[in-house]
Amino acid sequence: MDKFLAILTKEFKSDFRNPYILGGAGLFLLSTLFVCYITVKRIPNPSTWVALYWIIILFSAFNAVAKSFTSESRERMLYLYTLSGPGAFIASKAVYHGIVMVLLSMVAVMVYSTFFQMLIADTTLFYISVVLGASGIAIILSLLSTIASKAGNNLTLMAILALPILLPLMMVSTTLMKNAIDGIALSVQLKYLFVLGGLNVVSFALSVVLFPYLWRE
């Protein structure tokens, strides 16, 4: 637990000391939202509203999370290898990126809702879908970023691997968010909540289990 907290603290200090990565991700997000606004102007259909939102979040996640391991030098990875175990390392990375993506997603919701107004019937369930969907994307991309770093920082490979893996998560997230906008009864929504939460847990567990094999060189 101490190693996990130490690495998590190191991630926060590192990004606050060098804020260009998070600043770039935030600028990319806001720029994308503004371009969508001046292009589309108005989205009357909830399905289109939800789909466009998650497309923006997905590309923002690639920009914010995907460079996690590709930006790490070999020397730094060897240093971290001597200090912590693989489980604590990948867990701290996944949690950190989950926090970053949840914050970016919340900012996106506020700006997106201002540009494209939409009446949301169930606000609580709406924000739960945002948190679970964004954190799930961050966990999956955290693991796939390690594979890309081992393949010579091949981001194209990571994109190819990520899209089919993220597809079930995106399908459930979009359905849950649309149902929250439409005000579907909670009894109907429970199965989607269970599946989305389960995907997050399974993705996190697989990251901890599989990462030690990628950790070795």
Protein backbone atom coordinates (compact mmCIF):
# COMPACT_ATOMS: atom_id res chain seq x y z
CA MET A 1 0.00 0.00 0.00
CA ASP A 2 2.88 2.37 0.80
CA LYS A 3 4.44 1.75 -2.64
CA PHE A 4 1.08 2.35 -4.30
CA LEU A 5 0.62 5.70 -2.51
CA ALA A 6 4.22 6.71 -3.19
CA ILE A 7 3.91 6.14 -6.95
CA LEU A 8 0.48 7.81 -7.02
CA THR A 9 1.94 10.85 -5.25
CA LYS A 10 4.86 10.85 -7.68
CA GLU A 11 2.44 10.92 -10.65
CA PHE A 12 0.60 13.94 -9.27
CA LYS A 13 3.81 15.81 -8.43
CA SER A 14 5.33 14.99 -11.81
CA ASP A 15 2.36 16.33 -13.78
CA PHE A 16 1.96 19.42 -11.61
CA ARG A 17 5.67 20.13 -11.99
CA ASN A 18 5.35 19.74 -15.75
CA PRO A 19 1.73 20.75 -16.50
CA TYR A 20 2.08 20.72 -20.28
CA ILE A 21 0.68 17.18 -20.64
CA LEU A 22 -2.52 17.87 -18.68
CA GLY A 23 -2.75 21.36 -20.13
CA GLY A 24 -2.44 19.95 -23.63
CA ALA A 25 -5.13 17.35 -22.91
CA GLY A 26 -7.45 20.03 -21.56
CA LEU A 27 -6.80 22.30 -24.53
CA PHE A 28 -7.44 19.41 -26.93
CA LEU A 29 -10.74 18.69 -25.18
CA LEU A 30 -11.95 22.28 -25.20
CA SER A 31 -10.85 22.80 -28.80
CA THR A 32 -12.73 19.69 -29.90
CA LEU A 33 -15.86 20.82 -28.08
CA PHE A 34 -15.68 24.27 -29.67
CA VAL A 35 -15.17 22.84 -33.17
CA CYS A 36 -18.21 20.59 -32.65
CA TYR A 37 -20.23 23.60 -31.51
CA ILE A 38 -19.42 25.83 -34.47
CA THR A 39 -20.01 22.92 -36.83
CA VAL A 40 -23.20 21.36 -35.42
CA LYS A 41 -24.78 24.26 -33.45
CA ARG A 42 -27.69 22.19 -32.12
CA ILE A 43 -28.29 18.51 -31.25
CA PRO A 44 -31.99 17.77 -30.64
CA ASN A 45 -31.62 13.97 -30.54
CA PRO A 46 -30.41 12.43 -27.21
CA SER A 47 -28.78 9.49 -29.04
CA THR A 48 -26.64 11.82 -31.15
CA TRP A 49 -25.90 13.98 -28.10
CA VAL A 50 -24.59 10.99 -26.13
CA ALA A 51 -22.66 9.49 -29.05
CA LEU A 52 -20.84 12.74 -29.82
CA TYR A 53 -19.96 13.23 -26.15
CA TRP A 54 -18.34 9.80 -25.81
CA ILE A 55 -16.46 10.18 -29.09
CA ILE A 56 -14.93 13.38 -27.72
CA ILE A 57 -14.07 11.70 -24.40
CA LEU A 58 -12.53 8.70 -26.16
CA PHE A 59 -10.17 10.78 -28.28
CA SER A 60 -9.32 12.96 -25.29
CA ALA A 61 -8.44 9.82 -23.34
CA PHE A 62 -6.04 8.70 -26.06
CA ASN A 63 -4.41 12.11 -25.87
CA ALA A 64 -4.21 12.21 -22.05
CA VAL A 65 -3.60 8.59 -21.06
CA ALA A 66 -1.96 6.91 -24.02
CA LYS A 67 1.32 8.75 -23.59
CA SER A 68 1.76 7.55 -20.01
CA PHE A 69 4.28 4.80 -20.65
CA THR A 70 5.54 6.01 -24.02
CA SER A 71 6.87 9.14 -22.30
CA GLU A 72 8.74 7.08 -19.68
CA SER A 73 12.41 6.55 -20.46
CA ARG A 74 14.05 3.14 -20.15
CA GLU A 75 16.26 4.41 -17.34
CA ARG A 76 13.30 5.66 -15.32
CA MET A 77 11.44 2.39 -15.81
CA LEU A 78 14.45 0.46 -14.53
CA TYR A 79 14.65 2.77 -11.53
CA LEU A 80 10.97 2.26 -10.73
CA TYR A 81 11.48 -1.48 -11.21
CA THR A 82 13.95 -1.49 -8.32
CA LEU A 83 11.63 0.49 -6.05
CA SER A 84 8.20 -1.09 -6.46
CA GLY A 85 6.41 -4.19 -7.56
CA PRO A 86 4.49 -4.39 -10.83
CA GLY A 87 1.09 -4.62 -9.12
CA ALA A 88 1.53 -1.39 -7.16
CA PHE A 89 2.94 0.35 -10.23
CA ILE A 90 0.13 -0.43 -12.66
CA ALA A 91 -2.54 0.06 -9.99
CA SER A 92 -1.25 3.55 -9.18
CA LYS A 93 -1.06 4.41 -12.89
CA ALA A 94 -4.63 3.20 -13.48
CA VAL A 95 -6.02 5.07 -10.46
CA TYR A 96 -4.19 8.27 -11.39
CA HIS A 97 -5.40 8.19 -14.98
CA GLY A 98 -8.89 7.33 -13.77
CA ILE A 99 -8.91 10.48 -11.63
CA VAL A 100 -7.60 12.58 -14.53
CA MET A 101 -10.18 11.22 -16.94
CA VAL A 102 -13.06 11.72 -14.49
CA LEU A 103 -12.03 15.36 -14.01
CA LEU A 104 -11.70 15.91 -17.77
CA SER A 105 -15.07 14.23 -18.33
CA MET A 106 -16.76 16.45 -15.74
CA VAL A 107 -15.31 19.55 -17.38
CA ALA A 108 -16.48 18.20 -20.75
CA VAL A 109 -20.01 17.68 -19.38
CA MET A 110 -20.24 21.27 -18.15
CA VAL A 111 -18.92 22.79 -21.39
CA TYR A 112 -20.80 20.33 -23.60
CA SER A 113 -24.09 20.97 -21.77
CA THR A 114 -23.56 24.70 -22.21
CA PHE A 115 -22.96 24.40 -25.95
CA PHE A 116 -25.60 21.72 -26.59
CA GLN A 117 -28.41 21.98 -24.05
CA MET A 118 -30.17 18.75 -23.18
CA LEU A 119 -32.79 18.06 -20.51
CA ILE A 120 -31.53 15.26 -18.24
CA ALA A 121 -34.23 13.39 -16.35
CA ASP A 122 -31.99 11.41 -13.96
CA THR A 123 -28.97 13.56 -13.08
CA THR A 124 -27.48 11.14 -10.52
CA LEU A 125 -27.44 8.20 -12.90
CA PHE A 126 -26.11 10.45 -15.66
CA TYR A 127 -23.04 11.41 -13.63
CA ILE A 128 -22.52 7.82 -12.49
CA SER A 129 -22.33 6.78 -16.13
CA VAL A 130 -19.77 9.53 -16.76
CA VAL A 131 -17.58 8.44 -13.82
CA LEU A 132 -17.71 4.71 -14.56
CA GLY A 133 -17.26 5.16 -18.30
CA ALA A 134 -14.33 7.57 -18.02
CA SER A 135 -12.52 5.53 -15.36
CA GLY A 136 -13.02 2.33 -17.37
CA ILE A 137 -11.47 3.92 -20.46
CA ALA A 138 -8.51 5.12 -18.37
CA ILE A 139 -7.88 1.68 -16.85
CA ILE A 140 -7.90 -0.09 -20.21
CA LEU A 141 -5.68 2.48 -21.90
CA SER A 142 -3.23 2.38 -18.99
CA LEU A 143 -2.56 -1.30 -19.65
CA LEU A 144 -2.52 -0.98 -23.44
CA SER A 145 -0.06 1.88 -23.17
CA THR A 146 2.45 -0.55 -21.65
CA ILE A 147 2.07 -2.87 -24.66
CA ALA A 148 2.67 0.05 -27.00
CA SER A 149 5.78 1.09 -25.07
CA LYS A 150 7.20 -2.44 -25.37
CA ALA A 151 6.53 -2.37 -29.11
CA GLY A 152 8.69 0.68 -29.68
CA ASN A 153 6.13 3.30 -28.61
CA ASN A 154 3.83 2.25 -31.45
CA LEU A 155 0.67 4.27 -30.76
CA THR A 156 -0.96 2.87 -33.87
CA LEU A 157 -0.75 -0.61 -32.33
CA MET A 158 -2.36 0.68 -29.16
CA ALA A 159 -5.24 2.22 -31.10
CA ILE A 160 -5.82 -1.05 -32.96
CA LEU A 161 -5.83 -3.02 -29.69
CA ALA A 162 -7.92 -0.50 -27.78
CA LEU A 163 -10.91 -0.04 -30.07
CA PRO A 164 -12.28 -3.63 -29.92
CA ILE A 165 -11.57 -3.87 -26.18
CA LEU A 166 -13.25 -0.54 -25.46
CA LEU A 167 -16.30 -1.34 -27.60
CA PRO A 168 -18.31 -3.20 -24.87
CA LEU A 169 -17.52 -0.46 -22.35
CA MET A 170 -18.60 2.27 -24.76
CA MET A 171 -21.82 0.45 -25.67
CA VAL A 172 -22.88 0.10 -22.03
CA SER A 173 -21.81 3.66 -21.13
CA THR A 174 -23.75 5.22 -23.99
CA THR A 175 -26.85 3.13 -23.21
CA LEU A 176 -26.73 4.02 -19.52
CA MET A 177 -26.29 7.73 -20.23
CA LYS A 178 -29.08 7.82 -22.82
CA ASN A 179 -31.44 6.03 -20.44
CA ALA A 180 -30.56 8.55 -17.73
CA ILE A 181 -31.46 11.41 -20.09
CA ASP A 182 -34.74 9.69 -21.01
CA GLY A 183 -35.56 9.00 -17.35
CA ILE A 184 -35.79 5.20 -17.61
CA ALA A 185 -36.67 3.53 -14.30
CA LEU A 186 -33.77 2.56 -12.02
CA SER A 187 -34.93 -1.06 -11.95
CA VAL A 188 -34.22 -1.24 -15.70
CA GLN A 189 -30.90 0.55 -15.33
CA LEU A 190 -29.49 -1.73 -12.62
CA LYS A 191 -28.28 -4.34 -15.10
CA TYR A 192 -26.33 -1.72 -17.04
CA LEU A 193 -24.85 -0.36 -13.81
CA PHE A 194 -23.82 -3.87 -12.79
CA VAL A 195 -22.22 -4.59 -16.18
CA LEU A 196 -20.40 -1.25 -16.32
CA GLY A 197 -19.09 -1.61 -12.78
CA GLY A 198 -18.09 -5.20 -13.51
CA LEU A 199 -16.15 -4.14 -16.61
CA ASN A 200 -14.21 -1.63 -14.52
CA VAL A 201 -13.36 -4.22 -11.86
CA VAL A 202 -12.39 -6.90 -14.38
CA SER A 203 -10.24 -4.44 -16.38
CA PHE A 204 -8.43 -3.33 -13.23
CA ALA A 205 -7.89 -6.92 -12.05
CA LEU A 206 -6.57 -8.02 -15.46
CA SER A 207 -4.19 -5.07 -15.51
CA VAL A 208 -2.72 -6.09 -12.15
CA VAL A 209 -2.48 -9.75 -13.22
CA LEU A 210 -1.08 -9.23 -16.73
CA PHE A 211 1.26 -6.33 -16.14
CA PRO A 212 4.01 -8.36 -14.38
CA TYR A 213 4.58 -10.23 -17.66
CA LEU A 214 5.03 -6.91 -19.49
CA TRP A 215 7.12 -5.51 -16.67
CA ARG A 216 9.97 -7.93 -17.28
CA GLU A 217 12.44 -7.27 -20.09
